[in-house]
Amino acid sequence: MDDRALMENMLLLEKGVCDLYMHGTLESSTETVHGVFRAALTESLCMQDTLYGKMAAKGWYPAEQVEGSKINTVKQKFSGGGQ
């Protein structure tokens, strides 16, 4: 497995972990459990951000600029202004 595939797998796994921790945080029955899940979620989000940053720096996770008019169209659609 090459480095790119390895990092893609790591990023996908980290995103899945973030999802699990988020749901654990939302559905915690006590403040203590909530705090533990929240701390784990914060740490996982930082790890995900680090992985993304390294992949983007190598050009493995390209992002493209979106035209302002397209952003405004989406804003209007979801704010009820596009109906």
N, C-alpha and C. Protein backbone atom coordinates (compact mmCIF):
# COMPACT_ATOMS: atom_id res chain seq x y z
N MET A 1 0.85 -1.17 0.00
CA MET A 1 0.00 0.00 0.00
C MET A 1 0.90 1.24 0.00
N ASP A 2 0.61 2.20 -0.87
CA ASP A 2 1.44 3.40 -0.92
C ASP A 2 1.00 4.40 0.15
N ASP A 3 1.80 5.45 0.32
CA ASP A 3 1.54 6.44 1.37
C ASP A 3 0.18 7.12 1.21
N ARG A 4 -0.17 7.42 -0.02
CA ARG A 4 -1.45 8.11 -0.25
C ARG A 4 -2.62 7.23 0.18
N ALA A 5 -2.61 5.97 -0.21
CA ALA A 5 -3.69 5.06 0.16
C ALA A 5 -3.74 4.86 1.67
N LEU A 6 -2.58 4.78 2.30
CA LEU A 6 -2.51 4.62 3.74
C LEU A 6 -3.12 5.83 4.45
N MET A 7 -2.76 7.02 4.00
CA MET A 7 -3.31 8.23 4.62
C MET A 7 -4.80 8.38 4.35
N GLU A 8 -5.26 7.99 3.17
CA GLU A 8 -6.69 8.03 2.88
C GLU A 8 -7.44 7.11 3.83
N ASN A 9 -6.90 5.91 4.05
CA ASN A 9 -7.53 4.97 4.99
C ASN A 9 -7.53 5.53 6.41
N MET A 10 -6.43 6.11 6.81
CA MET A 10 -6.35 6.69 8.15
C MET A 10 -7.37 7.82 8.31
N LEU A 11 -7.50 8.66 7.29
CA LEU A 11 -8.46 9.76 7.35
C LEU A 11 -9.88 9.24 7.42
N LEU A 12 -10.21 8.25 6.63
CA LEU A 12 -11.56 7.67 6.67
C LEU A 12 -11.86 7.05 8.04
N LEU A 13 -10.89 6.36 8.60
CA LEU A 13 -11.08 5.78 9.93
C LEU A 13 -11.27 6.87 10.98
N GLU A 14 -10.48 7.92 10.89
CA GLU A 14 -10.58 9.01 11.86
C GLU A 14 -11.93 9.71 11.75
N LYS A 15 -12.42 9.90 10.53
CA LYS A 15 -13.75 10.49 10.35
C LYS A 15 -14.82 9.62 11.00
N GLY A 16 -14.70 8.30 10.85
CA GLY A 16 -15.65 7.38 11.48
C GLY A 16 -15.60 7.46 12.99
N VAL A 17 -14.40 7.56 13.53
CA VAL A 17 -14.24 7.69 14.98
C VAL A 17 -14.88 8.99 15.46
N CYS A 18 -14.67 10.08 14.72
CA CYS A 18 -15.29 11.37 15.08
C CYS A 18 -16.81 11.24 15.12
N ASP A 19 -17.37 10.54 14.18
CA ASP A 19 -18.82 10.35 14.13
C ASP A 19 -19.30 9.59 15.37
N LEU A 20 -18.58 8.53 15.74
CA LEU A 20 -18.96 7.76 16.93
C LEU A 20 -18.86 8.61 18.19
N TYR A 21 -17.76 9.35 18.34
CA TYR A 21 -17.59 10.19 19.52
C TYR A 21 -18.63 11.31 19.57
N MET A 22 -19.00 11.85 18.41
CA MET A 22 -20.02 12.90 18.40
C MET A 22 -21.34 12.35 18.93
N HIS A 23 -21.73 11.17 18.45
CA HIS A 23 -22.98 10.59 18.92
C HIS A 23 -22.91 10.22 20.40
N GLY A 24 -21.76 9.74 20.83
CA GLY A 24 -21.58 9.46 22.24
C GLY A 24 -21.72 10.72 23.08
N THR A 25 -21.17 11.83 22.58
CA THR A 25 -21.28 13.10 23.28
C THR A 25 -22.73 13.56 23.36
N LEU A 26 -23.42 13.47 22.25
CA LEU A 26 -24.82 13.93 22.20
C LEU A 26 -25.74 13.10 23.10
N GLU A 27 -25.46 11.82 23.22
CA GLU A 27 -26.38 10.93 23.92
C GLU A 27 -25.89 10.50 25.30
N SER A 28 -24.90 11.19 25.82
CA SER A 28 -24.36 10.85 27.14
C SER A 28 -25.42 11.07 28.22
N SER A 29 -25.43 10.13 29.17
CA SER A 29 -26.43 10.21 30.23
C SER A 29 -25.96 11.02 31.44
N THR A 30 -24.66 11.24 31.57
CA THR A 30 -24.14 12.02 32.68
C THR A 30 -23.12 13.03 32.16
N GLU A 31 -22.87 14.04 32.98
CA GLU A 31 -21.90 15.07 32.60
C GLU A 31 -20.49 14.48 32.49
N THR A 32 -20.18 13.51 33.34
CA THR A 32 -18.85 12.88 33.29
C THR A 32 -18.64 12.15 31.98
N VAL A 33 -19.61 11.35 31.59
CA VAL A 33 -19.51 10.60 30.33
C VAL A 33 -19.48 11.58 29.16
N HIS A 34 -20.30 12.61 29.24
CA HIS A 34 -20.32 13.64 28.19
C HIS A 34 -18.93 14.27 28.04
N GLY A 35 -18.30 14.60 29.16
CA GLY A 35 -16.98 15.22 29.12
C GLY A 35 -15.91 14.32 28.51
N VAL A 36 -15.99 13.02 28.83
CA VAL A 36 -15.02 12.07 28.27
C VAL A 36 -15.19 11.96 26.76
N PHE A 37 -16.43 11.84 26.30
CA PHE A 37 -16.67 11.76 24.86
C PHE A 37 -16.27 13.06 24.17
N ARG A 38 -16.59 14.20 24.80
CA ARG A 38 -16.25 15.49 24.20
C ARG A 38 -14.74 15.65 24.06
N ALA A 39 -13.99 15.25 25.08
CA ALA A 39 -12.53 15.33 25.01
C ALA A 39 -11.98 14.41 23.91
N ALA A 40 -12.53 13.20 23.82
CA ALA A 40 -12.10 12.27 22.78
C ALA A 40 -12.44 12.81 21.40
N LEU A 41 -13.61 13.42 21.26
CA LEU A 41 -14.01 14.01 19.98
C LEU A 41 -13.07 15.14 19.59
N THR A 42 -12.74 16.00 20.54
CA THR A 42 -11.84 17.11 20.25
C THR A 42 -10.48 16.60 19.79
N GLU A 43 -9.96 15.60 20.47
CA GLU A 43 -8.67 15.02 20.08
C GLU A 43 -8.74 14.40 18.69
N SER A 44 -9.82 13.69 18.42
CA SER A 44 -9.97 13.05 17.10
C SER A 44 -10.12 14.08 15.99
N LEU A 45 -10.82 15.18 16.27
CA LEU A 45 -10.95 16.23 15.27
C LEU A 45 -9.59 16.86 14.97
N CYS A 46 -8.77 17.01 15.97
CA CYS A 46 -7.42 17.53 15.76
C CYS A 46 -6.59 16.57 14.91
N MET A 47 -6.72 15.28 15.18
CA MET A 47 -5.99 14.28 14.39
C MET A 47 -6.47 14.29 12.94
N GLN A 48 -7.78 14.41 12.76
CA GLN A 48 -8.35 14.46 11.41
C GLN A 48 -7.83 15.69 10.68
N ASP A 49 -7.77 16.81 11.36
CA ASP A 49 -7.28 18.04 10.75
C ASP A 49 -5.81 17.92 10.35
N THR A 50 -5.02 17.28 11.19
CA THR A 50 -3.61 17.07 10.89
C THR A 50 -3.43 16.19 9.65
N LEU A 51 -4.19 15.10 9.60
CA LEU A 51 -4.13 14.21 8.43
C LEU A 51 -4.53 14.95 7.17
N TYR A 52 -5.64 15.69 7.25
CA TYR A 52 -6.10 16.45 6.09
C TYR A 52 -5.02 17.44 5.64
N GLY A 53 -4.42 18.16 6.59
CA GLY A 53 -3.40 19.14 6.25
C GLY A 53 -2.21 18.52 5.53
N LYS A 54 -1.78 17.36 6.00
CA LYS A 54 -0.65 16.68 5.37
C LYS A 54 -1.01 16.20 3.96
N MET A 55 -2.23 15.70 3.82
CA MET A 55 -2.67 15.23 2.50
C MET A 55 -2.82 16.41 1.54
N ALA A 56 -3.38 17.51 2.00
CA ALA A 56 -3.57 18.69 1.16
C ALA A 56 -2.21 19.26 0.74
N ALA A 57 -1.24 19.25 1.64
CA ALA A 57 0.09 19.77 1.32
C ALA A 57 0.76 18.96 0.22
N LYS A 58 0.45 17.67 0.15
CA LYS A 58 1.02 16.82 -0.89
C LYS A 58 0.17 16.82 -2.17
N GLY A 59 -0.95 17.54 -2.14
CA GLY A 59 -1.83 17.59 -3.30
C GLY A 59 -2.73 16.38 -3.41
N TRP A 60 -2.85 15.61 -2.34
CA TRP A 60 -3.66 14.39 -2.34
C TRP A 60 -5.11 14.65 -1.96
N TYR A 61 -5.44 15.84 -1.54
CA TYR A 61 -6.81 16.18 -1.14
C TYR A 61 -7.08 17.58 -1.66
N PRO A 62 -7.20 17.68 -2.97
CA PRO A 62 -7.34 19.02 -3.56
C PRO A 62 -8.70 19.64 -3.25
N ALA A 63 -8.67 20.94 -3.08
CA ALA A 63 -9.90 21.70 -2.89
C ALA A 63 -9.97 22.73 -4.01
N GLU A 64 -11.16 23.01 -4.46
CA GLU A 64 -11.29 24.00 -5.52
C GLU A 64 -12.09 25.19 -5.03
N GLN A 65 -11.79 26.34 -5.61
CA GLN A 65 -12.50 27.56 -5.26
C GLN A 65 -13.88 27.54 -5.92
N VAL A 66 -14.87 28.00 -5.18
CA VAL A 66 -16.24 28.06 -5.70
C VAL A 66 -16.60 29.52 -5.96
N GLU A 67 -17.28 29.74 -7.05
CA GLU A 67 -17.70 31.10 -7.40
C GLU A 67 -18.69 31.61 -6.35
N GLY A 68 -18.57 32.89 -6.05
CA GLY A 68 -19.46 33.52 -5.07
C GLY A 68 -20.93 33.38 -5.43
N SER A 69 -21.25 33.42 -6.71
CA SER A 69 -22.65 33.32 -7.13
C SER A 69 -23.22 31.94 -6.78
N LYS A 70 -22.40 30.90 -6.86
CA LYS A 70 -22.87 29.56 -6.51
C LYS A 70 -23.11 29.45 -5.01
N ILE A 71 -22.25 30.07 -4.22
CA ILE A 71 -22.43 30.08 -2.78
C ILE A 71 -23.72 30.80 -2.42
N ASN A 72 -23.96 31.94 -3.05
CA ASN A 72 -25.19 32.71 -2.78
C ASN A 72 -26.43 31.93 -3.17
N THR A 73 -26.37 31.19 -4.27
CA THR A 73 -27.50 30.37 -4.70
C THR A 73 -27.84 29.32 -3.64
N VAL A 74 -26.83 28.68 -3.11
CA VAL A 74 -27.05 27.66 -2.08
C VAL A 74 -27.58 28.30 -0.79
N LYS A 75 -27.04 29.45 -0.43
CA LYS A 75 -27.52 30.17 0.76
C LYS A 75 -29.01 30.48 0.63
N GLN A 76 -29.39 30.99 -0.52
CA GLN A 76 -30.79 31.34 -0.76
C GLN A 76 -31.68 30.10 -0.71
N LYS A 77 -31.21 29.03 -1.29
CA LYS A 77 -31.98 27.78 -1.31
C LYS A 77 -32.30 27.31 0.10
N PHE A 78 -31.30 27.32 0.97
CA PHE A 78 -31.49 26.77 2.30
C PHE A 78 -32.01 27.76 3.32
N SER A 79 -32.06 29.05 2.96
CA SER A 79 -32.64 30.03 3.87
C SER A 79 -34.10 30.30 3.53
N GLY A 80 -34.59 29.62 2.51
CA GLY A 80 -35.99 29.82 2.10
C GLY A 80 -36.14 30.90 1.06
N GLY A 81 -35.05 31.57 0.70
CA GLY A 81 -35.11 32.64 -0.29
C GLY A 81 -35.18 32.15 -1.72
N GLY A 82 -34.94 30.86 -1.94
CA GLY A 82 -34.94 30.34 -3.29
C GLY A 82 -36.26 29.69 -3.68
N GLN A 83 -37.26 29.82 -2.80
CA GLN A 83 -38.54 29.17 -3.08
C GLN A 83 -39.48 30.07 -3.82
